Amino acid sequence: TFKLIGNTKNSTLTDIALFNNFELRQASYYSNACFFLNLINENLCLTPLGEDIMLNPLSAKVRIYELIIKHELIGQVFAKTALYPRKKAVKDSKELVKSLYPEYGEALSMNFLII
């Protein structure tokens, strides 16, 4: 998704879905992840960070993994699911989101968080 956006001007969610053989909702999940990591903006264009990462495609995966691991929320969720895959990862993740982002409590109570 990130590479497609970086290499294609004016990408749409439909472009992402077709390129990856995804459903439209999956394209939305992946683009939202890129947005959350500050790789793209709300218009599906690269941010300065995204542009910097695209300058060296060979190290792009490593740099994106670094962003994931270092992110306050995503890094902790990633670590919990990697270290304890059979534990209550969703429950723990919801509690983590509630503590870091209390304004999302209502969405979490509706099982909105998908991991």
C-alpha atoms as a PDB file:
ATOM      1  CA  THR A   1       0.000   0.000   0.000  1.00  0.00           C
ATOM      2  CA  PHE A   2       2.715   2.444   1.027  1.00  0.00           C
ATOM      3  CA  LYS A   3       4.844   1.683  -2.050  1.00  0.00           C
ATOM      4  CA  LEU A   4       1.849   2.013  -4.368  1.00  0.00           C
ATOM      5  CA  ILE A   5       0.989   5.405  -2.882  1.00  0.00           C
ATOM      6  CA  GLY A   6       4.621   6.467  -3.104  1.00  0.00           C
ATOM      7  CA  ASN A   7       4.905   5.461  -6.742  1.00  0.00           C
ATOM      8  CA  THR A   8       1.467   6.587  -7.959  1.00  0.00           C
ATOM      9  CA  LYS A   9       0.106  10.104  -7.900  1.00  0.00           C
ATOM     10  CA  ASN A  10      -3.512  10.517  -6.821  1.00  0.00           C
ATOM     11  CA  SER A  11      -3.961   6.949  -5.519  1.00  0.00           C
ATOM     12  CA  THR A  12      -7.435   6.007  -4.366  1.00  0.00           C
ATOM     13  CA  LEU A  13      -8.688   3.280  -2.066  1.00  0.00           C
ATOM     14  CA  THR A  14      -9.931   1.482  -5.177  1.00  0.00           C
ATOM     15  CA  ASP A  15      -6.402   1.609  -6.654  1.00  0.00           C
ATOM     16  CA  ILE A  16      -5.010   0.137  -3.432  1.00  0.00           C
ATOM     17  CA  ALA A  17      -7.657  -2.592  -3.371  1.00  0.00           C
ATOM     18  CA  LEU A  18      -7.047  -3.545  -7.017  1.00  0.00           C
ATOM     19  CA  PHE A  19      -3.253  -3.469  -6.697  1.00  0.00           C
ATOM     20  CA  ASN A  20      -3.237  -5.724  -3.614  1.00  0.00           C
ATOM     21  CA  ASN A  21      -6.230  -7.856  -4.645  1.00  0.00           C
ATOM     22  CA  PHE A  22      -8.049  -6.590  -1.525  1.00  0.00           C
ATOM     23  CA  GLU A  23     -11.592  -5.767  -0.680  1.00  0.00           C
ATOM     24  CA  LEU A  24     -12.155  -2.018  -0.344  1.00  0.00           C
ATOM     25  CA  ARG A  25     -12.395  -2.252   3.457  1.00  0.00           C
ATOM     26  CA  GLN A  26      -8.965  -3.961   3.570  1.00  0.00           C
ATOM     27  CA  ALA A  27      -7.499  -1.134   1.498  1.00  0.00           C
ATOM     28  CA  SER A  28      -8.981   1.249   4.048  1.00  0.00           C
ATOM     29  CA  TYR A  29      -7.350  -0.650   6.946  1.00  0.00           C
ATOM     30  CA  TYR A  30      -3.936  -0.548   5.289  1.00  0.00           C
ATOM     31  CA  SER A  31      -4.176   3.108   4.307  1.00  0.00           C
ATOM     32  CA  ASN A  32      -5.326   3.972   7.844  1.00  0.00           C
ATOM     33  CA  ALA A  33      -2.284   2.167   9.230  1.00  0.00           C
ATOM     34  CA  CYS A  34      -0.039   4.235   6.943  1.00  0.00           C
ATOM     35  CA  PHE A  35      -1.862   7.384   8.048  1.00  0.00           C
ATOM     36  CA  PHE A  36      -1.543   6.436  11.728  1.00  0.00           C
ATOM     37  CA  LEU A  37       2.215   5.977  11.284  1.00  0.00           C
ATOM     38  CA  ASN A  38       2.408   9.404   9.573  1.00  0.00           C
ATOM     39  CA  LEU A  39       3.536   7.893   6.271  1.00  0.00           C
ATOM     40  CA  ILE A  40       0.632   9.375   4.295  1.00  0.00           C
ATOM     41  CA  ASN A  41      -1.841  12.192   4.808  1.00  0.00           C
ATOM     42  CA  GLU A  42      -5.642  12.114   4.630  1.00  0.00           C
ATOM     43  CA  ASN A  43      -5.446  12.625   0.841  1.00  0.00           C
ATOM     44  CA  LEU A  44      -3.425   9.423   0.397  1.00  0.00           C
ATOM     45  CA  CYS A  45      -0.263  11.384  -0.411  1.00  0.00           C
ATOM     46  CA  LEU A  46       3.126  10.807   1.144  1.00  0.00           C
ATOM     47  CA  THR A  47       4.078  12.939   4.120  1.00  0.00           C
ATOM     48  CA  PRO A  48       7.640  14.269   4.411  1.00  0.00           C
ATOM     49  CA  LEU A  49       8.434  11.177   6.522  1.00  0.00           C
ATOM     50  CA  GLY A  50       6.919   8.921   3.858  1.00  0.00           C
ATOM     51  CA  GLU A  51       8.882  10.693   1.129  1.00  0.00           C
ATOM     52  CA  ASP A  52      12.091  10.291   3.140  1.00  0.00           C
ATOM     53  CA  ILE A  53      11.480   6.566   3.571  1.00  0.00           C
ATOM     54  CA  MET A  54      10.746   6.158  -0.150  1.00  0.00           C
ATOM     55  CA  LEU A  55      14.153   7.639  -1.008  1.00  0.00           C
ATOM     56  CA  ASN A  56      15.710   4.301  -0.068  1.00  0.00           C
ATOM     57  CA  PRO A  57      13.261   1.505  -0.910  1.00  0.00           C
ATOM     58  CA  LEU A  58      15.712  -1.175   0.256  1.00  0.00           C
ATOM     59  CA  SER A  59      15.484   0.038   3.845  1.00  0.00           C
ATOM     60  CA  ALA A  60      11.781   0.981   3.733  1.00  0.00           C
ATOM     61  CA  LYS A  61      10.538  -2.189   5.472  1.00  0.00           C
ATOM     62  CA  VAL A  62      13.061  -1.828   8.276  1.00  0.00           C
ATOM     63  CA  ARG A  63      12.182   1.825   8.817  1.00  0.00           C
ATOM     64  CA  ILE A  64       8.457   1.058   8.858  1.00  0.00           C
ATOM     65  CA  TYR A  65       9.004  -1.751  11.388  1.00  0.00           C
ATOM     66  CA  GLU A  66      10.982   0.719  13.502  1.00  0.00           C
ATOM     67  CA  LEU A  67       8.030   3.138  13.405  1.00  0.00           C
ATOM     68  CA  ILE A  68       5.682   0.341  14.472  1.00  0.00           C
ATOM     69  CA  ILE A  69       7.877  -0.826  17.333  1.00  0.00           C
ATOM     70  CA  LYS A  70       8.632   2.673  18.596  1.00  0.00           C
ATOM     71  CA  HIS A  71       5.019   3.878  18.434  1.00  0.00           C
ATOM     72  CA  GLU A  72       3.535   4.298  21.906  1.00  0.00           C
ATOM     73  CA  LEU A  73       0.389   2.282  21.218  1.00  0.00           C
ATOM     74  CA  ILE A  74       1.168   0.113  18.219  1.00  0.00           C
ATOM     75  CA  GLY A  75       4.546  -0.952  19.598  1.00  0.00           C
ATOM     76  CA  GLN A  76       3.004  -2.227  22.811  1.00  0.00           C
ATOM     77  CA  VAL A  77       0.196  -4.056  20.989  1.00  0.00           C
ATOM     78  CA  PHE A  78       2.724  -5.566  18.574  1.00  0.00           C
ATOM     79  CA  ALA A  79       4.945  -6.728  21.444  1.00  0.00           C
ATOM     80  CA  LYS A  80       2.038  -8.254  23.370  1.00  0.00           C
ATOM     81  CA  THR A  81       0.734 -10.185  20.388  1.00  0.00           C
ATOM     82  CA  ALA A  82       4.222 -11.306  19.344  1.00  0.00           C
ATOM     83  CA  LEU A  83       5.238 -12.434  22.829  1.00  0.00           C
ATOM     84  CA  TYR A  84       1.905 -13.795  24.015  1.00  0.00           C
ATOM     85  CA  PRO A  85      -0.118 -14.793  20.936  1.00  0.00           C
ATOM     86  CA  ARG A  86      -2.508 -17.054  22.846  1.00  0.00           C
ATOM     87  CA  LYS A  87      -3.205 -14.623  25.646  1.00  0.00           C
ATOM     88  CA  LYS A  88      -5.992 -12.065  25.704  1.00  0.00           C
ATOM     89  CA  ALA A  89      -4.358  -9.747  23.197  1.00  0.00           C
ATOM     90  CA  VAL A  90      -7.574  -8.007  22.159  1.00  0.00           C
ATOM     91  CA  LYS A  91      -8.635  -7.394  25.759  1.00  0.00           C
ATOM     92  CA  ASP A  92      -5.163  -6.128  26.707  1.00  0.00           C
ATOM     93  CA  SER A  93      -5.048  -3.946  23.588  1.00  0.00           C
ATOM     94  CA  LYS A  94      -8.420  -2.404  24.364  1.00  0.00           C
ATOM     95  CA  GLU A  95      -7.264  -1.602  27.897  1.00  0.00           C
ATOM     96  CA  LEU A  96      -4.100  -0.049  26.509  1.00  0.00           C
ATOM     97  CA  VAL A  97      -6.075   2.113  24.077  1.00  0.00           C
ATOM     98  CA  LYS A  98      -8.415   3.193  26.876  1.00  0.00           C
ATOM     99  CA  SER A  99      -5.453   4.260  29.015  1.00  0.00           C
ATOM    100  CA  LEU A 100      -3.657   6.125  26.207  1.00  0.00           C
ATOM    101  CA  TYR A 101      -6.718   7.436  24.356  1.00  0.00           C
ATOM    102  CA  PRO A 102      -9.656   7.656  26.772  1.00  0.00           C
ATOM    103  CA  GLU A 103     -11.735   9.490  24.156  1.00  0.00           C
ATOM    104  CA  TYR A 104     -12.053   6.205  22.224  1.00  0.00           C
ATOM    105  CA  GLY A 105     -13.669   4.311  25.106  1.00  0.00           C
ATOM    106  CA  GLU A 106     -17.112   4.209  23.489  1.00  0.00           C
ATOM    107  CA  ALA A 107     -15.782   2.790  20.232  1.00  0.00           C
ATOM    108  CA  LEU A 108     -13.945   0.091  22.144  1.00  0.00           C
ATOM    109  CA  SER A 109     -17.049  -0.915  24.039  1.00  0.00           C
ATOM    110  CA  MET A 110     -18.674  -1.609  20.664  1.00  0.00           C
ATOM    111  CA  ASN A 111     -15.759  -3.927  19.737  1.00  0.00           C
ATOM    112  CA  PHE A 112     -14.617  -1.450  17.142  1.00  0.00           C
ATOM    113  CA  LEU A 113     -10.909  -2.278  17.590  1.00  0.00           C
ATOM    114  CA  ILE A 114      -9.808  -4.924  15.112  1.00  0.00           C
ATOM    115  CA  ILE A 115      -6.423  -6.491  15.562  1.00  0.00           C
END
